[in-house]
Amino acid sequence: MEQVVITLDTGNPAFDEQPATELARILRELADNIESDGQCDRTLRDINGNIVGNVRAEKG
């Protein structure tokens, strides 16, 4: 793995009230999941369960 690309769309209602809090929650969950299973490639979901992005590992 040479590069990890995170794509995240913050244009839905989960980000309306406190966008920084929701972003931090998603990134914390991502970090916990990567640490526990070692997999980078995954879908990101907001607090409501909607898909808001993805993570992928790329080789240069």
Protein backbone atom coordinates (compact mmCIF):
# COMPACT_ATOMS: atom_id res chain seq x y z
CA MET A 1 0.00 0.00 0.00
CA GLU A 2 1.51 3.30 -1.07
CA GLN A 3 -1.48 5.57 -0.83
CA VAL A 4 -4.84 5.61 0.94
CA VAL A 5 -7.58 7.66 -0.72
CA ILE A 6 -10.58 8.78 1.37
CA THR A 7 -13.58 10.22 -0.47
CA LEU A 8 -16.33 11.70 1.68
CA ASP A 9 -19.42 13.66 0.63
CA THR A 10 -20.65 15.96 3.40
CA GLY A 11 -23.69 17.25 1.53
CA ASN A 12 -26.39 15.30 3.34
CA PRO A 13 -28.46 16.04 6.48
CA ALA A 14 -26.16 14.16 8.89
CA PHE A 15 -23.66 17.00 8.43
CA ASP A 16 -26.13 19.89 8.78
CA GLU A 17 -26.01 20.58 12.53
CA GLN A 18 -22.43 19.77 13.50
CA PRO A 19 -20.40 18.80 10.45
CA ALA A 20 -17.08 18.53 12.29
CA THR A 21 -18.58 16.19 14.88
CA GLU A 22 -20.02 13.86 12.23
CA LEU A 23 -16.78 13.89 10.25
CA ALA A 24 -14.78 13.04 13.38
CA ARG A 25 -17.20 10.22 14.23
CA ILE A 26 -16.80 8.69 10.77
CA LEU A 27 -13.01 8.96 10.87
CA ARG A 28 -12.83 7.46 14.38
CA GLU A 29 -14.98 4.53 13.29
CA LEU A 30 -12.78 4.10 10.21
CA ALA A 31 -9.61 4.09 12.32
CA ASP A 32 -11.08 1.56 14.75
CA ASN A 33 -12.16 -0.73 11.92
CA ILE A 34 -8.79 -0.57 10.14
CA GLU A 35 -7.01 -1.29 13.40
CA SER A 36 -9.21 -4.28 14.18
CA ASP A 37 -9.27 -5.99 10.78
CA GLY A 38 -6.35 -4.48 8.86
CA GLN A 39 -8.48 -3.71 5.79
CA CYS A 40 -8.44 -0.24 4.26
CA ASP A 41 -10.93 -0.71 1.44
CA ARG A 42 -14.41 0.01 2.77
CA THR A 43 -17.58 2.06 2.46
CA LEU A 44 -18.16 5.01 4.80
CA ARG A 45 -21.60 5.62 6.30
CA ASP A 46 -23.07 8.56 8.17
CA ILE A 47 -24.86 8.31 11.52
CA ASN A 48 -28.11 7.56 9.65
CA GLY A 49 -26.58 4.62 7.78
CA ASN A 50 -26.35 6.39 4.42
CA ILE A 51 -23.30 5.79 2.25
CA VAL A 52 -21.25 9.01 2.21
CA GLY A 53 -17.93 7.83 0.83
CA ASN A 54 -15.27 5.19 0.57
CA VAL A 55 -11.67 4.37 1.37
CA ARG A 56 -9.29 2.52 -0.87
CA ALA A 57 -5.65 1.59 -0.80
CA GLU A 58 -3.72 2.17 -4.01
CA LYS A 59 -0.36 1.06 -5.21
CA GLY A 60 1.63 3.72 -6.99
